[in-house]
Each structure stands twice: as structure tokens, then as C-alpha cells.
N, C-alpha and C. Protein backbone atom coordinates (compact mmCIF):
# COMPACT_ATOMS: atom_id res chain seq x y z
N MET A 1 -132.90 255.77 80.97
CA MET A 1 -134.23 255.93 81.54
C MET A 1 -134.37 255.10 82.80
N THR A 2 -133.86 253.87 82.77
CA THR A 2 -134.01 253.03 83.96
C THR A 2 -133.21 253.59 85.14
N TRP A 3 -132.05 254.17 84.86
CA TRP A 3 -131.25 254.76 85.94
C TRP A 3 -132.01 255.92 86.58
N ASN A 4 -132.60 256.78 85.77
CA ASN A 4 -133.36 257.91 86.30
C ASN A 4 -134.57 257.44 87.10
N LEU A 5 -135.23 256.40 86.64
CA LEU A 5 -136.37 255.85 87.38
C LEU A 5 -135.90 255.27 88.71
N ALA A 6 -134.77 254.58 88.70
CA ALA A 6 -134.25 254.02 89.95
C ALA A 6 -133.88 255.12 90.93
N VAL A 7 -133.29 256.21 90.45
CA VAL A 7 -132.95 257.33 91.33
C VAL A 7 -134.21 257.94 91.91
N LYS A 8 -135.24 258.03 91.11
CA LYS A 8 -136.51 258.60 91.58
C LYS A 8 -137.13 257.71 92.66
N VAL A 9 -137.09 256.40 92.46
CA VAL A 9 -137.73 255.48 93.40
C VAL A 9 -136.87 255.24 94.64
N LEU A 10 -135.57 254.98 94.45
CA LEU A 10 -134.70 254.59 95.56
C LEU A 10 -133.91 255.75 96.16
N GLY A 11 -133.69 256.77 95.38
CA GLY A 11 -132.81 257.85 95.81
C GLY A 11 -131.43 257.66 95.21
N ALA A 12 -130.67 258.72 95.17
CA ALA A 12 -129.36 258.69 94.50
C ALA A 12 -128.35 257.80 95.21
N VAL A 13 -128.33 257.85 96.53
CA VAL A 13 -127.33 257.08 97.28
C VAL A 13 -127.57 255.59 97.14
N ARG A 14 -128.79 255.14 97.34
CA ARG A 14 -129.08 253.71 97.24
C ARG A 14 -128.92 253.22 95.82
N THR A 15 -129.26 254.03 94.84
CA THR A 15 -129.11 253.61 93.44
C THR A 15 -127.64 253.47 93.07
N SER A 16 -126.81 254.36 93.56
CA SER A 16 -125.39 254.31 93.20
C SER A 16 -124.72 253.05 93.74
N VAL A 17 -125.23 252.49 94.82
CA VAL A 17 -124.68 251.25 95.36
C VAL A 17 -124.85 250.10 94.36
N TYR A 18 -125.94 250.09 93.64
CA TYR A 18 -126.22 248.99 92.73
C TYR A 18 -125.41 249.04 91.44
N ILE A 19 -124.65 250.09 91.23
CA ILE A 19 -123.75 250.13 90.07
C ILE A 19 -122.73 249.00 90.17
N TYR A 20 -122.46 248.55 91.40
CA TYR A 20 -121.50 247.47 91.59
C TYR A 20 -122.04 246.12 91.15
N MET A 21 -123.30 246.06 90.79
CA MET A 21 -123.87 244.81 90.27
C MET A 21 -123.61 244.64 88.77
N VAL A 22 -123.15 245.68 88.11
CA VAL A 22 -122.90 245.60 86.67
C VAL A 22 -121.90 244.50 86.32
N PRO A 23 -120.76 244.36 87.02
CA PRO A 23 -119.84 243.27 86.68
C PRO A 23 -120.45 241.88 86.91
N VAL A 24 -121.26 241.76 87.95
CA VAL A 24 -121.92 240.48 88.24
C VAL A 24 -122.88 240.12 87.11
N ILE A 25 -123.68 241.07 86.69
CA ILE A 25 -124.61 240.83 85.59
C ILE A 25 -123.85 240.51 84.31
N THR A 26 -122.73 241.18 84.09
CA THR A 26 -121.91 240.91 82.91
C THR A 26 -121.38 239.49 82.91
N VAL A 27 -120.88 239.02 84.05
CA VAL A 27 -120.36 237.65 84.14
C VAL A 27 -121.47 236.64 83.88
N VAL A 28 -122.61 236.81 84.53
CA VAL A 28 -123.73 235.87 84.36
C VAL A 28 -124.21 235.88 82.91
N THR A 29 -124.34 237.04 82.32
CA THR A 29 -124.80 237.13 80.93
C THR A 29 -123.80 236.50 79.97
N SER A 30 -122.51 236.73 80.20
CA SER A 30 -121.51 236.15 79.30
C SER A 30 -121.48 234.63 79.40
N VAL A 31 -121.74 234.10 80.57
CA VAL A 31 -121.78 232.64 80.72
C VAL A 31 -123.03 232.08 80.04
N LEU A 32 -124.17 232.71 80.25
CA LEU A 32 -125.42 232.18 79.69
C LEU A 32 -125.56 232.40 78.19
N ILE A 33 -125.20 233.57 77.71
CA ILE A 33 -125.43 233.89 76.30
C ILE A 33 -124.23 233.57 75.42
N LEU A 34 -123.05 233.97 75.86
CA LEU A 34 -121.86 233.78 75.04
C LEU A 34 -121.14 232.46 75.30
N LYS A 35 -121.62 231.70 76.29
CA LYS A 35 -121.02 230.40 76.65
C LYS A 35 -119.55 230.55 77.06
N GLU A 36 -119.24 231.66 77.74
CA GLU A 36 -117.89 231.88 78.25
C GLU A 36 -117.63 230.90 79.39
N PRO A 37 -116.39 230.46 79.54
CA PRO A 37 -116.09 229.57 80.67
C PRO A 37 -116.09 230.34 81.99
N VAL A 38 -116.49 229.67 83.05
CA VAL A 38 -116.47 230.26 84.38
C VAL A 38 -115.08 230.01 84.96
N THR A 39 -114.39 231.08 85.32
CA THR A 39 -113.05 230.96 85.88
C THR A 39 -113.07 231.32 87.36
N TRP A 40 -112.00 230.95 88.05
CA TRP A 40 -111.91 231.31 89.47
C TRP A 40 -111.86 232.81 89.66
N VAL A 41 -111.27 233.51 88.73
CA VAL A 41 -111.18 234.96 88.82
C VAL A 41 -112.58 235.58 88.73
N SER A 42 -113.39 235.09 87.80
CA SER A 42 -114.74 235.64 87.67
C SER A 42 -115.61 235.27 88.87
N ILE A 43 -115.42 234.08 89.41
CA ILE A 43 -116.17 233.67 90.61
C ILE A 43 -115.78 234.55 91.79
N MET A 44 -114.49 234.74 92.00
CA MET A 44 -114.03 235.56 93.12
C MET A 44 -114.46 237.02 92.96
N GLY A 45 -114.40 237.53 91.74
CA GLY A 45 -114.84 238.90 91.50
C GLY A 45 -116.32 239.07 91.78
N THR A 46 -117.11 238.08 91.37
CA THR A 46 -118.54 238.12 91.63
C THR A 46 -118.83 238.07 93.12
N VAL A 47 -118.15 237.17 93.81
CA VAL A 47 -118.34 237.05 95.26
C VAL A 47 -117.96 238.35 95.97
N LEU A 48 -116.84 238.93 95.59
CA LEU A 48 -116.40 240.18 96.22
C LEU A 48 -117.36 241.34 95.93
N ALA A 49 -117.87 241.40 94.71
CA ALA A 49 -118.80 242.48 94.37
C ALA A 49 -120.11 242.34 95.16
N VAL A 50 -120.62 241.12 95.25
CA VAL A 50 -121.86 240.90 96.00
C VAL A 50 -121.63 241.12 97.49
N ALA A 51 -120.49 240.67 98.01
CA ALA A 51 -120.18 240.89 99.42
C ALA A 51 -120.06 242.38 99.73
N GLY A 52 -119.43 243.12 98.85
CA GLY A 52 -119.33 244.57 99.03
C GLY A 52 -120.69 245.25 99.01
N LEU A 53 -121.57 244.77 98.14
CA LEU A 53 -122.92 245.32 98.09
C LEU A 53 -123.66 245.07 99.40
N PHE A 54 -123.57 243.84 99.91
CA PHE A 54 -124.25 243.53 101.16
C PHE A 54 -123.65 244.31 102.32
N LEU A 55 -122.33 244.44 102.35
CA LEU A 55 -121.69 245.21 103.42
C LEU A 55 -122.09 246.68 103.39
N SER A 56 -122.21 247.23 102.20
CA SER A 56 -122.58 248.64 102.10
C SER A 56 -124.04 248.86 102.46
N GLU A 57 -124.88 247.86 102.31
CA GLU A 57 -126.29 247.98 102.65
C GLU A 57 -126.58 247.66 104.12
N TYR A 58 -125.68 246.96 104.78
CA TYR A 58 -125.88 246.56 106.17
C TYR A 58 -125.71 247.77 107.07
N ASN A 59 -126.72 248.03 107.90
CA ASN A 59 -126.64 249.22 108.76
C ASN A 59 -126.22 248.89 110.19
N GLY A 60 -126.06 247.63 110.53
CA GLY A 60 -125.57 247.24 111.84
C GLY A 60 -126.58 247.32 112.96
N LYS A 61 -127.82 247.60 112.66
CA LYS A 61 -128.84 247.74 113.69
C LYS A 61 -129.94 246.71 113.54
N GLY A 62 -129.65 245.58 112.94
CA GLY A 62 -130.68 244.56 112.75
C GLY A 62 -131.53 244.85 111.54
N SER A 63 -132.77 244.40 111.58
CA SER A 63 -133.63 244.53 110.42
C SER A 63 -134.45 245.81 110.41
N GLY A 64 -134.28 246.66 111.42
CA GLY A 64 -135.03 247.92 111.46
C GLY A 64 -134.56 248.89 110.42
N ASN A 65 -135.47 249.71 109.94
CA ASN A 65 -135.14 250.70 108.92
C ASN A 65 -134.73 251.98 109.63
N SER A 66 -133.53 252.46 109.37
CA SER A 66 -133.01 253.63 110.08
C SER A 66 -133.34 254.94 109.38
N GLU A 67 -134.10 254.90 108.31
CA GLU A 67 -134.42 256.12 107.58
C GLU A 67 -135.57 256.77 108.20
């Protein structure tokens, strides 16, 4: 239901970009709830996933909305 609502509000393309946040949310949740240790691999994976998200959202034209 939340995915369908997000597609309705943001559109399919913008919503599909946020699927890459699932591993980040998984790492944070496992650390907070399951008390999993934070490893360099999980840190680097989180950084790469967030960097990829920001790069995919950056339109190269400043803060103006190109839509």
C-alpha cells in the first residue's frame, strides 16, 4: 500500500529511485533493534547507496525544478 501511495504522490520514476534506500534502512534497523555490529562493509555500502541516490536525484542545474 505504501509503495502504491508513493507512486501516486511522487510518480513511478522518482519512487523507484528510493528502492535503493532499502539496504540503508536494513543496516540501521539491524544495528538499532538486533544490536548487530557496525562493520566497514556495512558503512561503505550505506555510503555508496546514499551517494548513488543523491547522484541520481541531482539534475545539474542548481536548485531549480526542471519538471
